[in-house]
PDB file of N, CA and C in Angstrom:
ATOM      1  N   MET A   1     -47.718-165.621 -39.177  1.00  0.00           N
ATOM      2  CA  MET A   1     -48.138-166.402 -40.024  1.00  0.00           C
ATOM      3  C   MET A   1     -49.426-166.868 -40.044  1.00  0.00           C
ATOM      4  N   ALA A   2     -50.149-166.928 -41.325  1.00  0.00           N
ATOM      5  CA  ALA A   2     -51.207-167.789 -41.087  1.00  0.00           C
ATOM      6  C   ALA A   2     -51.231-169.168 -41.987  1.00  0.00           C
ATOM      7  N   LYS A   3     -52.090-170.108 -42.234  1.00  0.00           N
ATOM      8  CA  LYS A   3     -51.987-170.901 -43.298  1.00  0.00           C
ATOM      9  C   LYS A   3     -53.404-170.306 -44.167  1.00  0.00           C
ATOM     10  N   LEU A   4     -52.689-170.957 -45.342  1.00  0.00           N
ATOM     11  CA  LEU A   4     -53.819-170.051 -46.699  1.00  0.00           C
ATOM     12  C   LEU A   4     -55.241-170.231 -46.310  1.00  0.00           C
ATOM     13  N   LYS A   5     -55.735-171.922 -45.550  1.00  0.00           N
ATOM     14  CA  LYS A   5     -56.777-172.282 -45.236  1.00  0.00           C
ATOM     15  C   LYS A   5     -57.713-171.351 -44.093  1.00  0.00           C
ATOM     16  N   GLU A   6     -56.687-170.695 -43.221  1.00  0.00           N
ATOM     17  CA  GLU A   6     -57.259-170.003 -42.426  1.00  0.00           C
ATOM     18  C   GLU A   6     -57.699-168.460 -42.741  1.00  0.00           C
ATOM     19  N   LEU A   7     -57.194-168.265 -44.093  1.00  0.00           N
ATOM     20  CA  LEU A   7     -57.544-166.867 -44.708  1.00  0.00           C
ATOM     21  C   LEU A   7     -58.347-166.872 -45.847  1.00  0.00           C
ATOM     22  N   ALA A   8     -58.742-168.372 -46.676  1.00  0.00           N
ATOM     23  CA  ALA A   8     -59.739-168.465 -47.797  1.00  0.00           C
ATOM     24  C   ALA A   8     -61.082-168.902 -47.040  1.00  0.00           C
ATOM     25  N   GLU A   9     -62.065-168.744 -47.854  1.00  0.00           N
ATOM     26  CA  GLU A   9     -63.039-169.099 -47.614  1.00  0.00           C
ATOM     27  C   GLU A   9     -63.517-170.789 -47.944  1.00  0.00           C
ATOM     28  N   VAL A  10     -63.129-170.657 -49.772  1.00  0.00           N
ATOM     29  CA  VAL A  10     -63.113-171.397 -50.376  1.00  0.00           C
ATOM     30  C   VAL A  10     -61.355-172.473 -50.891  1.00  0.00           C
ATOM     31  N   ILE A  11     -61.723-173.404 -51.006  1.00  0.00           N
ATOM     32  CA  ILE A  11     -59.959-173.628 -51.442  1.00  0.00           C
ATOM     33  C   ILE A  11     -60.528-175.241 -52.071  1.00  0.00           C
ATOM     34  N   ARG A  12     -60.786-175.234 -53.557  1.00  0.00           N
ATOM     35  CA  ARG A  12     -61.232-176.124 -54.174  1.00  0.00           C
ATOM     36  C   ARG A  12     -60.483-176.937 -55.364  1.00  0.00           C
ATOM     37  N   SER A  13     -60.458-177.665 -56.054  1.00  0.00           N
ATOM     38  CA  SER A  13     -59.884-178.567 -57.111  1.00  0.00           C
ATOM     39  C   SER A  13     -60.917-179.292 -57.928  1.00  0.00           C
ATOM     40  N   LYS A  14     -60.889-179.501 -58.901  1.00  0.00           N
ATOM     41  CA  LYS A  14     -61.883-179.986 -59.878  1.00  0.00           C
ATOM     42  C   LYS A  14     -61.209-179.955 -61.173  1.00  0.00           C
ATOM     43  N   ASN A  15     -62.241-181.396 -61.819  1.00  0.00           N
ATOM     44  CA  ASN A  15     -61.531-181.306 -63.337  1.00  0.00           C
ATOM     45  C   ASN A  15     -61.841-180.134 -64.210  1.00  0.00           C
ATOM     46  N   ALA A  16     -60.673-179.887 -65.206  1.00  0.00           N
ATOM     47  CA  ALA A  16     -61.240-179.098 -66.154  1.00  0.00           C
ATOM     48  C   ALA A  16     -60.807-179.746 -67.543  1.00  0.00           C
ATOM     49  N   GLY A  17     -61.771-180.833 -67.880  1.00  0.00           N
ATOM     50  CA  GLY A  17     -61.343-181.762 -68.948  1.00  0.00           C
ATOM     51  C   GLY A  17     -60.733-183.017 -68.063  1.00  0.00           C
ATOM     52  N   PRO A  18     -60.174-183.981 -68.830  1.00  0.00           N
ATOM     53  CA  PRO A  18     -59.408-184.996 -69.167  1.00  0.00           C
ATOM     54  C   PRO A  18     -58.319-184.926 -68.496  1.00  0.00           C
ATOM     55  N   PHE A  19     -57.671-183.495 -69.135  1.00  0.00           N
ATOM     56  CA  PHE A  19     -56.203-183.812 -69.018  1.00  0.00           C
ATOM     57  C   PHE A  19     -55.615-182.191 -68.383  1.00  0.00           C
ATOM     58  N   GLU A  20     -56.759-181.487 -67.430  1.00  0.00           N
ATOM     59  CA  GLU A  20     -56.410-180.403 -66.830  1.00  0.00           C
ATOM     60  C   GLU A  20     -56.770-180.507 -65.379  1.00  0.00           C
ATOM     61  N   ILE A  21     -56.577-179.915 -64.370  1.00  0.00           N
ATOM     62  CA  ILE A  21     -56.996-179.292 -63.110  1.00  0.00           C
ATOM     63  C   ILE A  21     -56.728-177.868 -62.705  1.00  0.00           C
ATOM     64  N   THR A  22     -58.338-177.652 -62.540  1.00  0.00           N
ATOM     65  CA  THR A  22     -58.138-176.176 -62.301  1.00  0.00           C
ATOM     66  C   THR A  22     -58.077-176.194 -60.235  1.00  0.00           C
ATOM     67  N   PHE A  23     -57.615-175.133 -59.983  1.00  0.00           N
ATOM     68  CA  PHE A  23     -57.822-174.706 -58.682  1.00  0.00           C
ATOM     69  C   PHE A  23     -58.599-173.416 -58.465  1.00  0.00           C
ATOM     70  N   ASP A  24     -59.327-173.182 -57.259  1.00  0.00           N
ATOM     71  CA  ASP A  24     -60.129-172.107 -57.072  1.00  0.00           C
ATOM     72  C   ASP A  24     -59.494-171.436 -55.330  1.00  0.00           C
ATOM     73  N   ILE A  25     -59.506-170.151 -55.151  1.00  0.00           N
ATOM     74  CA  ILE A  25     -59.468-169.941 -53.836  1.00  0.00           C
ATOM     75  C   ILE A  25     -60.384-168.657 -54.138  1.00  0.00           C
ATOM     76  N   ILE A  26     -60.699-169.053 -53.347  1.00  0.00           N
ATOM     77  CA  ILE A  26     -62.053-167.487 -52.807  1.00  0.00           C
ATOM     78  C   ILE A  26     -61.567-166.945 -51.383  1.00  0.00           C
ATOM     79  N   PHE A  27     -61.554-166.014 -51.040  1.00  0.00           N
ATOM     80  CA  PHE A  27     -61.373-165.090 -50.020  1.00  0.00           C
ATOM     81  C   PHE A  27     -62.681-164.431 -49.243  1.00  0.00           C
ATOM     82  N   ARG A  28     -62.985-164.601 -47.578  1.00  0.00           N
ATOM     83  CA  ARG A  28     -63.795-164.447 -47.571  1.00  0.00           C
ATOM     84  C   ARG A  28     -63.908-162.639 -47.253  1.00  0.00           C
ATOM     85  N   ASP A  29     -62.523-161.721 -47.445  1.00  0.00           N
ATOM     86  CA  ASP A  29     -62.713-160.482 -47.150  1.00  0.00           C
ATOM     87  C   ASP A  29     -61.249-159.921 -48.179  1.00  0.00           C
ATOM     88  N   ARG A  30     -61.705-158.697 -48.538  1.00  0.00           N
ATOM     89  CA  ARG A  30     -60.577-157.920 -49.051  1.00  0.00           C
ATOM     90  C   ARG A  30     -59.291-157.900 -48.494  1.00  0.00           C
ATOM     91  N   GLU A  31     -59.205-157.888 -47.052  1.00  0.00           N
ATOM     92  CA  GLU A  31     -58.036-157.822 -46.452  1.00  0.00           C
ATOM     93  C   GLU A  31     -57.274-159.123 -46.827  1.00  0.00           C
ATOM     94  N   SER A  32     -58.186-160.397 -46.309  1.00  0.00           N
ATOM     95  CA  SER A  32     -57.130-161.583 -46.258  1.00  0.00           C
ATOM     96  C   SER A  32     -56.789-161.584 -47.972  1.00  0.00           C
ATOM     97  N   TYR A  33     -57.614-161.410 -48.990  1.00  0.00           N
ATOM     98  CA  TYR A  33     -56.670-161.580 -50.415  1.00  0.00           C
ATOM     99  C   TYR A  33     -56.330-160.462 -50.715  1.00  0.00           C
ATOM    100  N   GLU A  34     -56.187-159.489 -50.347  1.00  0.00           N
ATOM    101  CA  GLU A  34     -54.868-158.473 -50.789  1.00  0.00           C
ATOM    102  C   GLU A  34     -53.565-158.593 -49.795  1.00  0.00           C
ATOM    103  N   ARG A  35     -54.020-159.159 -48.272  1.00  0.00           N
ATOM    104  CA  ARG A  35     -52.709-160.074 -47.638  1.00  0.00           C
ATOM    105  C   ARG A  35     -52.119-160.906 -48.650  1.00  0.00           C
ATOM    106  N   VAL A  36     -52.486-161.553 -48.987  1.00  0.00           N
ATOM    107  CA  VAL A  36     -51.848-163.022 -49.809  1.00  0.00           C
ATOM    108  C   VAL A  36     -51.187-162.790 -51.427  1.00  0.00           C
ATOM    109  N   LYS A  37     -52.244-161.923 -51.858  1.00  0.00           N
ATOM    110  CA  LYS A  37     -51.767-161.337 -53.146  1.00  0.00           C
ATOM    111  C   LYS A  37     -50.427-160.184 -52.885  1.00  0.00           C
ATOM    112  N   GLN A  38     -50.340-159.416 -52.306  1.00  0.00           N
ATOM    113  CA  GLN A  38     -49.239-158.511 -51.771  1.00  0.00           C
ATOM    114  C   GLN A  38     -47.927-159.607 -51.387  1.00  0.00           C
ATOM    115  N   GLU A  39     -48.309-160.437 -50.885  1.00  0.00           N
ATOM    116  CA  GLU A  39     -47.186-161.144 -50.029  1.00  0.00           C
ATOM    117  C   GLU A  39     -46.185-162.282 -51.438  1.00  0.00           C
ATOM    118  N   GLY A  40     -47.077-162.577 -52.802  1.00  0.00           N
ATOM    119  CA  GLY A  40     -46.577-163.261 -53.711  1.00  0.00           C
ATOM    120  C   GLY A  40     -45.839-164.423 -53.098  1.00  0.00           C
ATOM    121  N   ILE A  41     -46.501-165.034 -52.250  1.00  0.00           N
ATOM    122  CA  ILE A  41     -46.427-166.564 -51.593  1.00  0.00           C
ATOM    123  C   ILE A  41     -47.004-167.729 -53.099  1.00  0.00           C
ATOM    124  N   LEU A  42     -47.954-167.358 -53.032  1.00  0.00           N
ATOM    125  CA  LEU A  42     -49.050-168.059 -54.280  1.00  0.00           C
ATOM    126  C   LEU A  42     -48.592-167.278 -55.835  1.00  0.00           C
ATOM    127  N   SER A  43     -47.907-168.569 -56.388  1.00  0.00           N
ATOM    128  CA  SER A  43     -47.412-167.948 -57.905  1.00  0.00           C
ATOM    129  C   SER A  43     -47.458-169.379 -58.504  1.00  0.00           C
ATOM    130  N   ARG A  44     -47.219-169.284 -59.880  1.00  0.00           N
ATOM    131  CA  ARG A  44     -47.265-170.834 -60.807  1.00  0.00           C
ATOM    132  C   ARG A  44     -45.790-171.248 -60.382  1.00  0.00           C
ATOM    133  N   ASP A  45     -44.919-170.614 -59.707  1.00  0.00           N
ATOM    134  CA  ASP A  45     -43.680-171.521 -59.263  1.00  0.00           C
ATOM    135  C   ASP A  45     -44.428-172.350 -58.168  1.00  0.00           C
ATOM    136  N   LEU A  46     -44.880-171.806 -57.324  1.00  0.00           N
ATOM    137  CA  LEU A  46     -45.225-171.950 -55.956  1.00  0.00           C
ATOM    138  C   LEU A  46     -46.169-173.606 -56.647  1.00  0.00           C
ATOM    139  N   MET A  47     -47.091-173.360 -57.530  1.00  0.00           N
ATOM    140  CA  MET A  47     -47.914-174.419 -58.168  1.00  0.00           C
ATOM    141  C   MET A  47     -46.887-175.749 -58.849  1.00  0.00           C
ATOM    142  N   ALA A  48     -46.008-175.496 -59.346  1.00  0.00           N
ATOM    143  CA  ALA A  48     -45.388-176.511 -59.509  1.00  0.00           C
ATOM    144  C   ALA A  48     -44.373-177.139 -58.730  1.00  0.00           C
ATOM    145  N   ARG A  49     -43.861-176.733 -57.798  1.00  0.00           N
ATOM    146  CA  ARG A  49     -43.335-177.284 -56.540  1.00  0.00           C
ATOM    147  C   ARG A  49     -44.402-177.797 -55.997  1.00  0.00           C
ATOM    148  N   LEU A  50     -45.704-177.628 -55.595  1.00  0.00           N
ATOM    149  CA  LEU A  50     -46.536-178.273 -54.570  1.00  0.00           C
ATOM    150  C   LEU A  50     -47.039-179.640 -55.333  1.00  0.00           C
ATOM    151  N   TYR A  51     -46.942-179.358 -56.762  1.00  0.00           N
ATOM    152  CA  TYR A  51     -47.623-180.671 -57.565  1.00  0.00           C
ATOM    153  C   TYR A  51     -46.811-181.445 -58.211  1.00  0.00           C
ATOM    154  N   HIS A  52     -45.055-181.319 -58.017  1.00  0.00           N
ATOM    155  CA  HIS A  52     -44.071-181.940 -58.470  1.00  0.00           C
ATOM    156  C   HIS A  52     -44.317-181.634 -60.381  1.00  0.00           C
ATOM    157  N   LEU A  53     -44.133-180.324 -60.536  1.00  0.00           N
ATOM    158  CA  LEU A  53     -44.438-180.394 -62.153  1.00  0.00           C
ATOM    159  C   LEU A  53     -43.305-179.391 -62.662  1.00  0.00           C
ATOM    160  N   PRO A  54     -43.085-179.552 -63.662  1.00  0.00           N
ATOM    161  CA  PRO A  54     -42.188-178.402 -64.630  1.00  0.00           C
ATOM    162  C   PRO A  54     -43.270-177.382 -64.378  1.00  0.00           C
ATOM    163  N   LEU A  55     -42.345-176.064 -64.508  1.00  0.00           N
ATOM    164  CA  LEU A  55     -43.499-174.780 -64.700  1.00  0.00           C
ATOM    165  C   LEU A  55     -44.076-174.622 -66.083  1.00  0.00           C
ATOM    166  N   GLU A  56     -43.499-175.058 -66.819  1.00  0.00           N
ATOM    167  CA  GLU A  56     -44.755-175.554 -68.168  1.00  0.00           C
ATOM    168  C   GLU A  56     -45.923-176.240 -67.920  1.00  0.00           C
ATOM    169  N   SER A  57     -46.262-176.883 -67.172  1.00  0.00           N
ATOM    170  CA  SER A  57     -47.481-177.681 -67.110  1.00  0.00           C
ATOM    171  C   SER A  57     -48.329-176.774 -65.852  1.00  0.00           C
ATOM    172  N   VAL A  58     -47.662-175.730 -65.659  1.00  0.00           N
ATOM    173  CA  VAL A  58     -48.603-174.638 -64.827  1.00  0.00           C
ATOM    174  C   VAL A  58     -49.301-173.794 -66.030  1.00  0.00           C
ATOM    175  N   LEU A  59     -50.457-174.217 -66.212  1.00  0.00           N
ATOM    176  CA  LEU A  59     -51.005-173.681 -67.828  1.00  0.00           C
ATOM    177  C   LEU A  59     -51.150-172.187 -67.650  1.00  0.00           C
ATOM    178  N   PHE A  60     -51.717-171.937 -66.601  1.00  0.00           N
ATOM    179  CA  PHE A  60     -52.912-170.654 -65.931  1.00  0.00           C
ATOM    180  C   PHE A  60     -52.480-170.278 -64.424  1.00  0.00           C
ATOM    181  N   PHE A  61     -51.767-169.055 -64.141  1.00  0.00           N
ATOM    182  CA  PHE A  61     -52.325-168.852 -62.491  1.00  0.00           C
ATOM    183  C   PHE A  61     -52.620-167.197 -62.832  1.00  0.00           C
ATOM    184  N   GLY A  62     -53.816-167.069 -61.870  1.00  0.00           N
ATOM    185  CA  GLY A  62     -54.125-165.466 -62.021  1.00  0.00           C
ATOM    186  C   GLY A  62     -55.069-165.073 -60.989  1.00  0.00           C
ATOM    187  N   TYR A  63     -55.254-163.935 -60.367  1.00  0.00           N
ATOM    188  CA  TYR A  63     -55.396-163.059 -59.586  1.00  0.00           C
ATOM    189  C   TYR A  63     -56.960-162.473 -60.536  1.00  0.00           C
ATOM    190  N   TYR A  64     -58.156-162.932 -59.525  1.00  0.00           N
ATOM    191  CA  TYR A  64     -59.405-162.160 -60.061  1.00  0.00           C
ATOM    192  C   TYR A  64     -59.808-161.101 -58.915  1.00  0.00           C
ATOM    193  N   ASP A  65     -59.208-159.853 -58.503  1.00  0.00           N
ATOM    194  CA  ASP A  65     -59.979-158.741 -57.973  1.00  0.00           C
ATOM    195  C   ASP A  65     -61.239-159.058 -57.759  1.00  0.00           C
ATOM    196  N   ALA A  66     -62.129-159.013 -58.901  1.00  0.00           N
ATOM    197  CA  ALA A  66     -63.698-158.558 -58.466  1.00  0.00           C
ATOM    198  C   ALA A  66     -64.284-159.612 -58.087  1.00  0.00           C
ATOM    199  N   ALA A  67     -63.690-160.929 -57.957  1.00  0.00           N
ATOM    200  CA  ALA A  67     -63.955-161.673 -56.887  1.00  0.00           C
ATOM    201  C   ALA A  67     -63.367-162.275 -55.762  1.00  0.00           C
ATOM    202  N   LEU A  68     -62.502-161.554 -55.564  1.00  0.00           N
ATOM    203  CA  LEU A  68     -61.546-161.931 -54.254  1.00  0.00           C
ATOM    204  C   LEU A  68     -60.937-163.205 -54.482  1.00  0.00           C
ATOM    205  N   ALA A  69     -60.773-163.594 -55.662  1.00  0.00           N
ATOM    206  CA  ALA A  69     -60.112-165.352 -56.529  1.00  0.00           C
ATOM    207  C   ALA A  69     -58.937-165.031 -56.819  1.00  0.00           C
ATOM    208  N   ILE A  70     -58.343-166.564 -56.596  1.00  0.00           N
ATOM    209  CA  ILE A  70     -57.236-167.060 -57.614  1.00  0.00           C
ATOM    210  C   ILE A  70     -57.568-168.239 -58.344  1.00  0.00           C
ATOM    211  N   LYS A  71     -56.836-168.292 -59.298  1.00  0.00           N
ATOM    212  CA  LYS A  71     -57.560-169.313 -60.116  1.00  0.00           C
ATOM    213  C   LYS A  71     -56.151-170.048 -60.720  1.00  0.00           C
ATOM    214  N   SER A  72     -56.026-171.171 -60.678  1.00  0.00           N
ATOM    215  CA  SER A  72     -54.697-171.847 -61.444  1.00  0.00           C
ATOM    216  C   SER A  72     -55.539-172.948 -62.093  1.00  0.00           C
ATOM    217  N   THR A  73     -54.666-173.614 -63.070  1.00  0.00           N
ATOM    218  CA  THR A  73     -54.913-174.711 -64.087  1.00  0.00           C
ATOM    219  C   THR A  73     -53.488-175.397 -64.026  1.00  0.00           C
ATOM    220  N   ILE A  74     -53.544-176.932 -64.016  1.00  0.00           N
ATOM    221  CA  ILE A  74     -52.518-177.393 -64.012  1.00  0.00           C
ATOM    222  C   ILE A  74     -52.898-178.850 -65.093  1.00  0.00           C
ATOM    223  N   VAL A  75     -51.870-179.408 -65.637  1.00  0.00           N
ATOM    224  CA  VAL A  75     -52.095-180.273 -66.694  1.00  0.00           C
ATOM    225  C   VAL A  75     -51.970-181.550 -65.488  1.00  0.00           C
ATOM    226  N   ARG A  76     -52.951-182.485 -65.660  1.00  0.00           N
ATOM    227  CA  ARG A  76     -52.863-183.791 -64.854  1.00  0.00           C
ATOM    228  C   ARG A  76     -51.924-184.302 -65.135  1.00  0.00           C
ATOM    229  N   PRO A  77     -51.432-184.957 -63.738  1.00  0.00           N
ATOM    230  CA  PRO A  77     -50.298-185.891 -64.128  1.00  0.00           C
ATOM    231  C   PRO A  77     -50.682-187.200 -64.479  1.00  0.00           C
ATOM    232  N   GLN A  78     -51.832-187.805 -64.206  1.00  0.00           N
ATOM    233  CA  GLN A  78     -52.569-188.611 -65.144  1.00  0.00           C
ATOM    234  C   GLN A  78     -53.616-188.751 -65.562  1.00  0.00           C
ATOM    235  N   VAL A  79     -54.260-188.685 -66.740  1.00  0.00           N
ATOM    236  CA  VAL A  79     -55.878-188.582 -67.803  1.00  0.00           C
ATOM    237  C   VAL A  79     -56.569-189.177 -66.643  1.00  0.00           C
ATOM    238  N   SER A  80     -57.750-188.306 -66.372  1.00  0.00           N
ATOM    239  CA  SER A  80     -59.065-188.583 -65.846  1.00  0.00           C
ATOM    240  C   SER A  80     -59.504-189.820 -66.041  1.00  0.00           C
ATOM    241  N   GLY A  81     -59.622-190.557 -65.058  1.00  0.00           N
ATOM    242  CA  GLY A  81     -60.210-192.117 -65.506  1.00  0.00           C
ATOM    243  C   GLY A  81     -59.316-193.180 -66.069  1.00  0.00           C
ATOM    244  N   GLY A  82     -57.833-192.447 -66.398  1.00  0.00           N
ATOM    245  CA  GLY A  82     -56.878-193.549 -66.857  1.00  0.00           C
ATOM    246  C   GLY A  82     -56.307-194.471 -65.502  1.00  0.00           C
ATOM    247  N   VAL A  83     -55.495-195.481 -66.235  1.00  0.00           N
ATOM    248  CA  VAL A  83     -54.965-196.537 -65.389  1.00  0.00           C
ATOM    249  C   VAL A  83     -53.657-195.846 -64.553  1.00  0.00           C
ATOM    250  N   GLY A  84     -54.257-195.505 -63.116  1.00  0.00           N
ATOM    251  CA  GLY A  84     -53.339-195.304 -61.844  1.00  0.00           C
ATOM    252  C   GLY A  84     -54.242-194.324 -61.534  1.00  0.00           C
ATOM    253  N   ASP A  85     -55.073-193.343 -62.359  1.00  0.00           N
ATOM    254  CA  ASP A  85     -55.869-192.463 -61.374  1.00  0.00           C
ATOM    255  C   ASP A  85     -56.551-192.564 -60.175  1.00  0.00           C
ATOM    256  N   THR A  86     -56.178-191.741 -59.248  1.00  0.00           N
ATOM    257  CA  THR A  86     -56.891-192.320 -57.923  1.00  0.00           C
ATOM    258  C   THR A  86     -57.935-190.950 -57.717  1.00  0.00           C
ATOM    259  N   ASP A  87     -58.234-190.258 -58.445  1.00  0.00           N
ATOM    260  CA  ASP A  87     -59.423-188.983 -58.393  1.00  0.00           C
ATOM    261  C   ASP A  87     -60.009-188.389 -59.576  1.00  0.00           C
ATOM    262  N   VAL A  88     -60.737-189.373 -60.055  1.00  0.00           N
ATOM    263  CA  VAL A  88     -61.284-188.908 -61.257  1.00  0.00           C
ATOM    264  C   VAL A  88     -61.954-187.640 -61.482  1.00  0.00           C
ATOM    265  N   MET A  89     -62.497-187.015 -60.536  1.00  0.00           N
ATOM    266  CA  MET A  89     -63.323-185.752 -60.790  1.00  0.00           C
ATOM    267  C   MET A  89     -62.133-184.584 -60.164  1.00  0.00           C
ATOM    268  N   ALA A  90     -60.954-185.219 -59.707  1.00  0.00           N
ATOM    269  CA  ALA A  90     -59.688-184.059 -59.130  1.00  0.00           C
ATOM    270  C   ALA A  90     -60.275-183.676 -58.026  1.00  0.00           C
ATOM    271  N   CYS A  91     -61.274-183.823 -57.353  1.00  0.00           N
ATOM    272  CA  CYS A  91     -61.656-182.820 -56.202  1.00  0.00           C
ATOM    273  C   CYS A  91     -60.933-183.179 -54.649  1.00  0.00           C
ATOM    274  N   GLN A  92     -59.637-183.550 -54.767  1.00  0.00           N
ATOM    275  CA  GLN A  92     -59.072-183.721 -53.407  1.00  0.00           C
ATOM    276  C   GLN A  92     -57.620-183.331 -53.890  1.00  0.00           C
ATOM    277  N   GLN A  93     -57.611-183.215 -55.175  1.00  0.00           N
ATOM    278  CA  GLN A  93     -56.135-182.446 -55.291  1.00  0.00           C
ATOM    279  C   GLN A  93     -55.856-180.956 -54.821  1.00  0.00           C
ATOM    280  N   HIS A  94     -56.646-180.125 -53.705  1.00  0.00           N
ATOM    281  CA  HIS A  94     -56.196-179.336 -53.457  1.00  0.00           C
ATOM    282  C   HIS A  94     -55.580-179.089 -52.123  1.00  0.00           C
ATOM    283  N   GLY A  95     -55.643-180.478 -51.473  1.00  0.00           N
ATOM    284  CA  GLY A  95     -54.793-180.572 -50.059  1.00  0.00           C
ATOM    285  C   GLY A  95     -53.313-179.863 -49.752  1.00  0.00           C
ATOM    286  N   PRO A  96     -52.634-180.077 -50.908  1.00  0.00           N
ATOM    287  CA  PRO A  96     -51.368-179.282 -50.843  1.00  0.00           C
ATOM    288  C   PRO A  96     -51.274-177.398 -50.499  1.00  0.00           C
ATOM    289  N   LEU A  97     -52.627-176.842 -51.101  1.00  0.00           N
ATOM    290  CA  LEU A  97     -52.573-175.627 -50.848  1.00  0.00           C
ATOM    291  C   LEU A  97     -53.051-175.289 -49.512  1.00  0.00           C
ATOM    292  N   LEU A  98     -53.669-176.168 -48.917  1.00  0.00           N
ATOM    293  CA  LEU A  98     -54.385-175.844 -46.998  1.00  0.00           C
ATOM    294  C   LEU A  98     -53.328-175.500 -46.368  1.00  0.00           C
ATOM    295  N   GLU A  99     -52.365-175.749 -46.752  1.00  0.00           N
ATOM    296  CA  GLU A  99     -50.933-176.063 -45.405  1.00  0.00           C
ATOM    297  C   GLU A  99     -49.729-174.458 -45.846  1.00  0.00           C
ATOM    298  N   VAL A 100     -50.204-174.168 -47.038  1.00  0.00           N
ATOM    299  CA  VAL A 100     -49.017-173.187 -47.501  1.00  0.00           C
ATOM    300  C   VAL A 100     -49.355-171.840 -46.375  1.00  0.00           C
ATOM    301  N   GLU A 101     -47.975-171.312 -46.028  1.00  0.00           N
ATOM    302  CA  GLU A 101     -47.940-170.392 -44.901  1.00  0.00           C
ATOM    303  C   GLU A 101     -47.837-168.365 -45.706  1.00  0.00           C
ATOM    304  N   ILE A 102     -48.550-168.007 -45.042  1.00  0.00           N
ATOM    305  CA  ILE A 102     -48.640-166.880 -45.549  1.00  0.00           C
ATOM    306  C   ILE A 102     -48.158-165.432 -44.429  1.00  0.00           C
ATOM    307  N   PRO A 103     -47.074-165.420 -44.332  1.00  0.00           N
ATOM    308  CA  PRO A 103     -46.665-163.841 -43.629  1.00  0.00           C
ATOM    309  C   PRO A 103     -47.636-162.730 -43.389  1.00  0.00           C
ATOM    310  N   GLY A 104     -47.312-162.100 -42.328  1.00  0.00           N
ATOM    311  CA  GLY A 104     -48.037-160.653 -42.144  1.00  0.00           C
ATOM    312  C   GLY A 104     -48.948-160.583 -41.065  1.00  0.00           C
TER     313      GLY A 104
END
């Protein structure tokens, strides 16, 4: 087992407008990328569970082979800058992804 943070070069989150957050996971090598992709652990379902959202709030989840990357976009639980928002730029929302365990 390895944690996603051990396999990926970059794991980040950021605003995708005031109502969405996007996540990028970029791998340092094809072997790590293919390992994660083939295991199928990362998915729309996992994003929904990690962020306590209904599945329909995961707007996009996809693999981009040419960049050795995975991208996902979710509906923000709080509008950016709105009452109760604690991360206006959404740059601290990737935390739950760091500890995802990948078999292999």
